[in-house]
């Protein structure tokens, strides 16, 4: 998901759909999702990045024009979580190694807290994920 999810403002997607005289079911059929997905997106649920091109085609727009039309800003994309502060904190924590699973875990924690993680917290979380060294 856009987020890696794109959070579309409720009115933006709904208004665009209605302006094209499409029901949720019709739009869903055009982009091969359920009408429940359309409803969820219209109510603020994140949209997977790969759905944006499908939505854009359904409305006859470019992805950029779709984002502008429904007011999707880059910071709302789940590419959406601002990862730069997290990566900075990881670099300052100077772990021996960071795996993609570690980054996913840290992003998950950061999303749950709804605030950036500081270096000390990143270091603590990474240490908890590592097995204790053998004597």
Foldseek 3Di string as FASTA:
>chain_A
DLLCFWWFALCQLVVLCVVVVHQLCRLCVQQVHHSVVVVVSSVGDTHNPVSLCSSQVVSVHHSVVSCVRRVTDPCRRSVNPPCVLVVVLVVVLPDPDADVVLVVVQVVVCVVVVHHDHNVVSNVSVVVVDDDDDD
